[in-house]
Protein backbone atom coordinates (compact mmCIF):
# COMPACT_ATOMS: atom_id res chain seq x y z
CA MET A 1 78.12 -22.33 35.77
CA SER A 2 74.88 -20.44 35.25
CA LYS A 3 71.40 -21.90 35.84
CA ILE A 4 69.92 -22.87 32.47
CA ALA A 5 66.49 -23.68 31.03
CA PHE A 6 65.45 -25.60 27.94
CA VAL A 7 62.74 -23.99 25.83
CA PHE A 8 60.91 -25.72 22.97
CA PRO A 9 59.24 -24.05 19.95
CA GLY A 10 55.66 -24.59 18.87
CA GLN A 11 53.94 -24.95 15.54
CA GLY A 12 55.20 -22.50 12.95
CA SER A 13 58.90 -23.25 13.44
CA GLN A 14 58.82 -26.23 11.10
CA PHE A 15 60.41 -26.09 7.66
CA VAL A 16 61.22 -28.64 4.96
CA GLY A 17 64.64 -30.17 5.62
CA MET A 18 64.64 -29.57 9.37
CA ALA A 19 67.11 -31.73 11.32
CA LYS A 20 67.95 -33.81 8.14
CA ALA A 21 71.70 -32.99 8.20
CA LEU A 22 71.62 -33.57 11.99
CA ALA A 23 70.25 -37.07 11.55
CA GLN A 24 73.01 -37.80 8.99
CA SER A 25 75.75 -36.74 11.42
CA SER A 26 74.27 -37.86 14.76
CA PRO A 27 73.18 -41.51 15.50
CA ALA A 28 71.17 -40.20 18.49
CA ALA A 29 69.20 -37.83 16.24
CA ALA A 30 68.66 -40.56 13.64
CA ALA A 31 67.32 -42.85 16.36
CA VAL A 32 64.76 -40.21 17.36
CA TRP A 33 63.42 -40.02 13.84
CA ALA A 34 63.34 -43.80 13.54
CA THR A 35 61.29 -44.00 16.74
CA ALA A 36 58.83 -41.36 15.55
CA ASP A 37 58.38 -43.13 12.23
CA ARG A 38 57.61 -46.43 13.95
CA ALA A 39 55.22 -44.83 16.44
CA LEU A 40 53.18 -43.16 13.64
CA GLY A 41 53.42 -46.11 11.28
CA GLU A 42 54.64 -43.85 8.48
CA PRO A 43 57.84 -41.99 7.59
CA ILE A 44 57.20 -38.58 9.15
CA SER A 45 60.98 -38.11 8.71
CA THR A 46 60.63 -38.24 4.91
CA LEU A 47 57.86 -35.60 4.95
CA ALA A 48 59.94 -33.38 7.31
CA TRP A 49 63.03 -33.67 5.14
CA GLU A 50 61.59 -33.65 1.64
CA GLY A 51 58.09 -32.11 1.90
CA PRO A 52 56.02 -31.10 0.13
CA GLU A 53 55.74 -28.03 2.31
CA GLU A 54 51.94 -27.90 2.00
CA ASP A 55 51.62 -31.34 3.47
CA LEU A 56 54.18 -30.65 6.24
CA ASN A 57 52.30 -27.55 7.28
CA ARG A 58 49.06 -29.44 7.86
CA THR A 59 48.55 -29.33 11.61
CA GLU A 60 48.35 -33.07 12.03
CA ASN A 61 51.75 -33.44 10.31
CA SER A 62 53.59 -30.34 11.45
CA GLN A 63 53.10 -31.07 15.11
CA PRO A 64 54.57 -34.61 15.27
CA ALA A 65 57.32 -33.62 12.79
CA LEU A 66 58.34 -30.59 14.87
CA LEU A 67 58.29 -32.58 18.06
CA ALA A 68 60.53 -35.23 16.57
CA ALA A 69 62.91 -32.65 15.13
CA SER A 70 63.18 -30.82 18.51
CA ILE A 71 63.94 -34.03 20.43
CA ALA A 72 66.46 -34.93 17.72
CA TYR A 73 68.27 -31.68 18.48
CA LEU A 74 68.18 -32.44 22.22
CA GLU A 75 69.55 -35.97 21.82
CA ALA A 76 72.21 -34.79 19.35
CA VAL A 77 73.57 -32.10 21.70
CA ARG A 78 73.48 -34.50 24.64
CA GLU A 79 75.46 -37.01 22.52
CA ARG A 80 78.04 -34.31 21.65
CA TRP A 81 78.34 -33.18 25.25
CA TYR A 82 78.99 -36.78 26.23
CA GLU A 83 81.66 -37.20 23.56
CA LEU A 84 83.36 -33.91 24.65
CA GLN A 85 83.02 -34.81 28.33
CA VAL A 86 81.28 -31.56 29.03
CA ASP A 87 80.12 -31.07 32.56
CA ILE A 88 76.67 -29.62 31.93
CA PRO A 89 74.38 -28.52 34.74
CA GLU A 90 70.91 -29.98 34.83
CA PRO A 91 68.33 -27.49 33.50
CA ALA A 92 66.30 -25.78 36.17
CA PHE A 93 63.14 -25.71 34.01
CA ALA A 94 61.67 -26.91 30.76
CA ALA A 95 59.05 -24.80 28.95
CA GLY A 96 57.30 -25.28 25.63
CA HIS A 97 55.48 -22.69 23.58
CA SER A 98 52.00 -24.13 22.95
CA MET A 99 52.54 -27.56 21.27
CA GLY A 100 56.14 -27.32 22.50
CA GLN A 101 54.81 -28.33 25.91
CA TYR A 102 54.60 -31.90 24.59
CA THR A 103 58.25 -31.69 23.56
CA ALA A 104 59.18 -30.27 26.97
CA LEU A 105 57.43 -33.24 28.68
CA VAL A 106 59.39 -35.72 26.60
CA ALA A 107 62.63 -33.84 27.45
CA SER A 108 61.81 -33.96 31.13
CA GLY A 109 61.00 -37.66 31.19
CA ALA A 110 57.35 -37.13 31.87
CA LEU A 111 56.11 -38.54 28.54
CA ALA A 112 57.45 -41.21 26.19
CA LEU A 113 58.46 -40.02 22.73
CA GLU A 114 56.24 -42.63 21.09
CA ASP A 115 53.19 -41.48 22.98
CA ALA A 116 54.00 -37.81 22.42
CA VAL A 117 54.14 -37.97 18.59
CA ARG A 118 50.87 -39.90 18.48
CA LEU A 119 49.27 -37.45 20.93
CA VAL A 120 50.18 -34.32 18.97
CA ARG A 121 48.85 -35.87 15.81
CA THR A 122 45.56 -36.50 17.59
CA ARG A 123 45.71 -33.01 19.08
CA GLY A 124 46.04 -31.46 15.59
CA GLN A 125 43.12 -33.43 14.28
CA LYS A 126 40.91 -32.50 17.22
CA MET A 127 41.90 -28.83 16.97
CA GLN A 128 40.86 -28.78 13.30
CA ALA A 129 37.52 -30.31 14.10
CA SER A 130 36.78 -28.22 17.21
CA GLY A 131 34.33 -25.34 17.00
CA THR A 132 32.51 -26.65 13.96
CA GLY A 133 30.01 -24.06 12.78
CA ARG A 134 31.84 -21.26 14.56
CA GLU A 135 34.60 -20.27 12.17
CA GLY A 136 37.79 -19.41 13.98
CA ARG A 137 40.58 -17.03 13.11
CA MET A 138 43.74 -15.60 14.62
CA ALA A 139 45.59 -12.24 14.26
CA ALA A 140 48.92 -10.81 15.25
CA VAL A 141 48.99 -7.38 16.92
CA ILE A 142 52.32 -5.56 16.96
CA GLY A 143 53.23 -2.49 19.00
CA LEU A 144 50.17 -2.25 21.20
CA ASP A 145 50.74 -1.25 24.81
CA ASP A 146 49.81 -4.07 27.22
CA ALA A 147 47.61 -1.65 29.14
CA SER A 148 45.34 -1.40 26.07
CA LEU A 149 44.80 -5.16 25.74
CA PRO A 150 41.72 -5.29 28.08
CA GLU A 151 40.02 -2.59 26.01
CA LEU A 152 40.85 -4.43 22.74
CA VAL A 153 39.44 -7.68 24.17
CA ALA A 154 36.28 -5.97 25.45
CA LYS A 155 35.49 -4.15 22.22
CA ALA A 156 36.26 -7.07 19.91
CA SER A 157 34.27 -9.47 22.10
CA GLU A 158 31.12 -7.50 21.22
CA HIS A 159 31.40 -9.29 17.82
CA GLY A 160 31.96 -12.81 19.18
CA VAL A 161 34.31 -15.01 21.18
CA PHE A 162 37.67 -13.26 21.37
CA GLY A 163 40.78 -13.23 23.55
CA VAL A 164 44.58 -13.20 23.83
CA ALA A 165 46.05 -16.45 22.51
CA ASN A 166 49.77 -15.71 22.86
CA ARG A 167 51.62 -12.97 24.73
CA ASN A 168 54.87 -13.58 22.92
CA SER A 169 57.04 -10.57 23.85
CA PRO A 170 56.56 -6.94 24.90
CA GLY A 171 54.42 -5.37 22.13
CA GLN A 172 53.68 -8.67 20.31
CA VAL A 173 50.54 -10.59 20.93
CA VAL A 174 48.36 -13.01 19.04
CA MET A 175 44.58 -12.83 19.28
CA SER A 176 42.12 -15.66 18.72
CA GLY A 177 38.40 -16.15 18.39
CA GLU A 178 35.44 -16.20 16.05
CA ARG A 179 35.98 -14.77 12.60
CA ALA A 180 33.83 -11.66 13.01
CA ALA A 181 35.49 -10.71 16.28
CA VAL A 182 38.99 -11.18 14.89
CA GLU A 183 38.24 -9.24 11.76
CA ALA A 184 36.77 -6.37 13.89
CA SER A 185 39.87 -6.40 16.17
CA LEU A 186 42.15 -5.38 13.33
CA ALA A 187 40.70 -1.91 13.12
CA ILE A 188 40.11 -1.66 16.92
CA ALA A 189 43.73 -2.49 17.61
CA LYS A 190 45.01 0.17 15.19
CA SER A 191 42.66 2.73 16.77
CA LEU A 192 44.21 1.90 20.17
CA GLY A 193 47.72 2.58 18.84
CA ALA A 194 48.96 -0.72 17.42
CA LYS A 195 51.58 -0.39 14.71
CA ARG A 196 50.32 -3.42 12.80
CA ALA A 197 47.33 -5.82 13.08
CA ILE A 198 47.25 -8.62 10.59
CA GLU A 199 45.12 -11.73 10.25
CA LEU A 200 47.19 -14.93 10.24
CA PRO A 201 46.77 -17.72 7.61
CA VAL A 202 45.21 -20.25 9.99
CA SER A 203 41.78 -21.79 10.12
CA VAL A 204 41.50 -22.59 13.80
CA ALA A 205 41.17 -20.34 16.84
CA ALA A 206 43.92 -21.88 19.01
CA HIS A 207 44.05 -21.12 22.71
CA SER A 208 40.45 -19.92 22.81
CA PRO A 209 37.10 -21.23 24.13
CA LEU A 210 36.47 -22.53 20.57
CA MET A 211 38.92 -25.29 21.37
CA ALA A 212 36.65 -26.65 24.15
CA GLU A 213 35.68 -29.78 22.13
CA ALA A 214 39.32 -30.47 21.42
CA ALA A 215 40.18 -30.07 25.08
CA GLU A 216 37.51 -32.53 26.18
CA GLY A 217 38.57 -34.92 23.46
CA MET A 218 42.23 -34.75 24.57
CA ARG A 219 41.19 -35.14 28.23
CA GLU A 220 39.76 -38.57 27.33
CA VAL A 221 42.79 -39.58 25.27
CA LEU A 222 45.31 -38.40 27.87
CA ALA A 223 43.55 -40.33 30.62
CA GLY A 224 44.87 -43.51 29.09
CA ILE A 225 48.50 -42.33 28.73
CA THR A 226 51.19 -42.99 31.33
CA PHE A 227 52.84 -39.82 32.68
CA HIS A 228 55.74 -39.42 35.15
CA ASP A 229 56.76 -36.56 37.37
CA PRO A 230 58.84 -34.15 35.22
CA ASN A 231 62.52 -33.55 35.91
CA PRO A 232 63.16 -30.65 35.42
CA PRO A 233 59.77 -29.16 36.30
CA LEU A 234 57.57 -27.63 33.59
CA LEU A 235 56.15 -24.12 33.49
CA ALA A 236 52.43 -23.78 32.59
CA ASN A 237 51.55 -21.86 29.52
CA ALA A 238 48.68 -19.83 30.98
CA ASP A 239 50.20 -18.51 34.20
CA ALA A 240 53.84 -19.78 34.46
CA ARG A 241 53.08 -21.85 37.55
CA VAL A 242 55.60 -24.65 38.19
CA ILE A 243 54.34 -28.15 37.37
CA THR A 244 56.09 -30.98 39.22
CA THR A 245 53.65 -33.91 39.09
CA ALA A 246 52.43 -36.35 36.48
CA ASP A 247 48.80 -35.27 37.12
CA GLY A 248 49.76 -31.66 36.64
CA CYS A 249 51.36 -32.44 33.29
CA ARG A 250 48.26 -34.21 32.10
CA ALA A 251 46.06 -31.36 33.15
CA GLU A 252 48.33 -28.80 31.47
CA LEU A 253 47.94 -30.47 28.10
CA VAL A 254 44.16 -30.11 28.42
CA ASP A 255 44.01 -26.63 29.88
CA HIS A 256 46.36 -24.91 27.48
CA LEU A 257 44.07 -25.63 24.50
CA THR A 258 41.51 -23.13 25.71
CA THR A 259 43.74 -20.69 27.65
CA GLY A 260 46.42 -18.36 26.33
CA VAL A 261 50.21 -18.76 26.23
CA ASP A 262 51.87 -16.17 28.38
CA TRP A 263 55.42 -16.57 27.13
CA VAL A 264 56.49 -13.28 28.62
CA GLY A 265 55.32 -14.44 32.04
CA ALA A 266 57.11 -17.79 31.67
CA ILE A 267 60.44 -16.25 30.75
CA GLN A 268 60.23 -13.62 33.50
CA ALA A 269 59.35 -16.32 36.05
CA MET A 270 62.38 -18.44 35.06
CA GLU A 271 64.62 -15.38 35.13
CA ALA A 272 63.30 -14.47 38.59
CA ALA A 273 64.15 -17.98 39.72
CA GLY A 274 67.81 -17.51 38.73
CA VAL A 275 67.88 -18.71 35.14
CA THR A 276 70.52 -16.73 33.19
CA THR A 277 70.89 -18.94 30.10
CA PHE A 278 68.04 -20.12 27.89
CA ILE A 279 68.70 -22.84 25.29
CA GLU A 280 66.20 -23.10 22.42
CA VAL A 281 65.94 -26.75 21.49
CA GLY A 282 64.55 -27.32 18.01
CA PRO A 283 64.41 -26.04 14.46
CA GLY A 284 64.70 -22.23 13.92
CA GLN A 285 65.26 -19.39 16.29
CA VAL A 286 61.81 -17.99 16.95
CA LEU A 287 61.96 -18.26 20.70
CA THR A 288 65.49 -16.89 20.79
CA GLY A 289 64.25 -13.68 19.19
CA LEU A 290 61.36 -13.39 21.61
CA ILE A 291 63.46 -14.07 24.73
CA LYS A 292 66.04 -11.46 23.75
CA ARG A 293 63.21 -8.89 23.86
CA ILE A 294 61.77 -10.23 27.11
CA ALA A 295 65.06 -10.70 29.04
CA PRO A 296 67.80 -8.60 27.38
CA ALA A 297 70.34 -9.45 30.06
CA ALA A 298 70.02 -13.23 29.59
CA THR A 299 72.18 -15.41 27.43
CA VAL A 300 70.05 -17.07 24.72
CA ILE A 301 71.40 -19.94 22.56
CA ALA A 302 69.61 -21.62 19.69
CA LEU A 303 70.83 -25.18 18.96
CA ASP A 304 69.84 -24.72 15.32
CA ASP A 305 72.99 -23.12 14.10
CA LYS A 306 72.54 -22.17 10.44
CA GLY A 307 76.31 -21.66 10.12
CA ALA A 308 77.13 -25.28 11.03
CA ALA A 309 77.21 -28.11 8.49
CA ASP A 310 74.95 -30.26 10.69
CA ARG A 311 73.05 -27.18 11.96
CA LEU A 312 73.98 -27.93 15.57
CA ALA A 313 75.42 -25.39 18.04
CA VAL A 314 77.09 -27.09 21.02
CA PRO A 315 76.92 -24.80 24.05
CA PHE A 316 79.64 -25.04 26.69
CA ALA A 317 81.92 -27.01 24.36
CA ASP A 318 84.69 -24.59 25.17
CA ALA A 319 84.49 -25.80 28.77
CA ALA A 320 84.95 -29.43 27.86
CA ALA A 321 87.39 -31.33 30.01
CA VAL A 322 88.60 -33.75 27.37
CA SER A 323 90.72 -36.42 28.80
CA GLU A 324 94.25 -36.95 27.43
């Protein structure tokens, strides 16, 4: 069977109703939500399932809700594989997009679910407060050749702090920085050949130096949290290096706040290491779309199957060796 990797979405994949049907059909998924609710001391499940959308989309809510939903998908499919007696290979890697790194660490056994949901809530609060007095913004740039990115960064940086936040797929990047620099970058990107350059509806400059206060705040918080060596190993957001130790996991959660997410590099690194099947674990299919553009030859499966009553795809079910 092919070598597989689990990938976990970041903020933006959440939606009202996510993993509700799954919790109704899967005791394992329901248990994940119950654990998250207890850990936070409030029913994050109710907010995730019923909204209102405006409250769910607040960073301090969307991050723990999305993490719980993603782990609910993971536990539900593991439960189904067990029931079907599916012989599933252990994933070679786990990788999360931005906040999805916390989910990846839970999936790899490096971080407890209870700690993770509390940590991402704190992360969201610190991100919102970071860079006070230096208004942050983000923008998506579509259709710009990678070779032109250094020139875009250099010219926009003349107006303030500015850099690449996410390299999501060939021709799709997200920029981040101070408001004046991001606003200037829209015209600069188009002058360099971008098809589209649009400001995003966010009020923080994620994955930029403006998150330095948040990073230092999280460094202090994370120092008091128990981590374990991840199995499978994790891939770092900034440079796709393989992370195999508890200390490396802790450092990654600090570093990735101020550095960019090179999702292209992460997928290419896993493909080069022999991964042929990527399984997106969580609500939506954002990463599935990106990976298909990065690695066209790979098999990409999203567990969130909109055609299923409980919204769960069960990879490898056709290979189940069900006992008589």
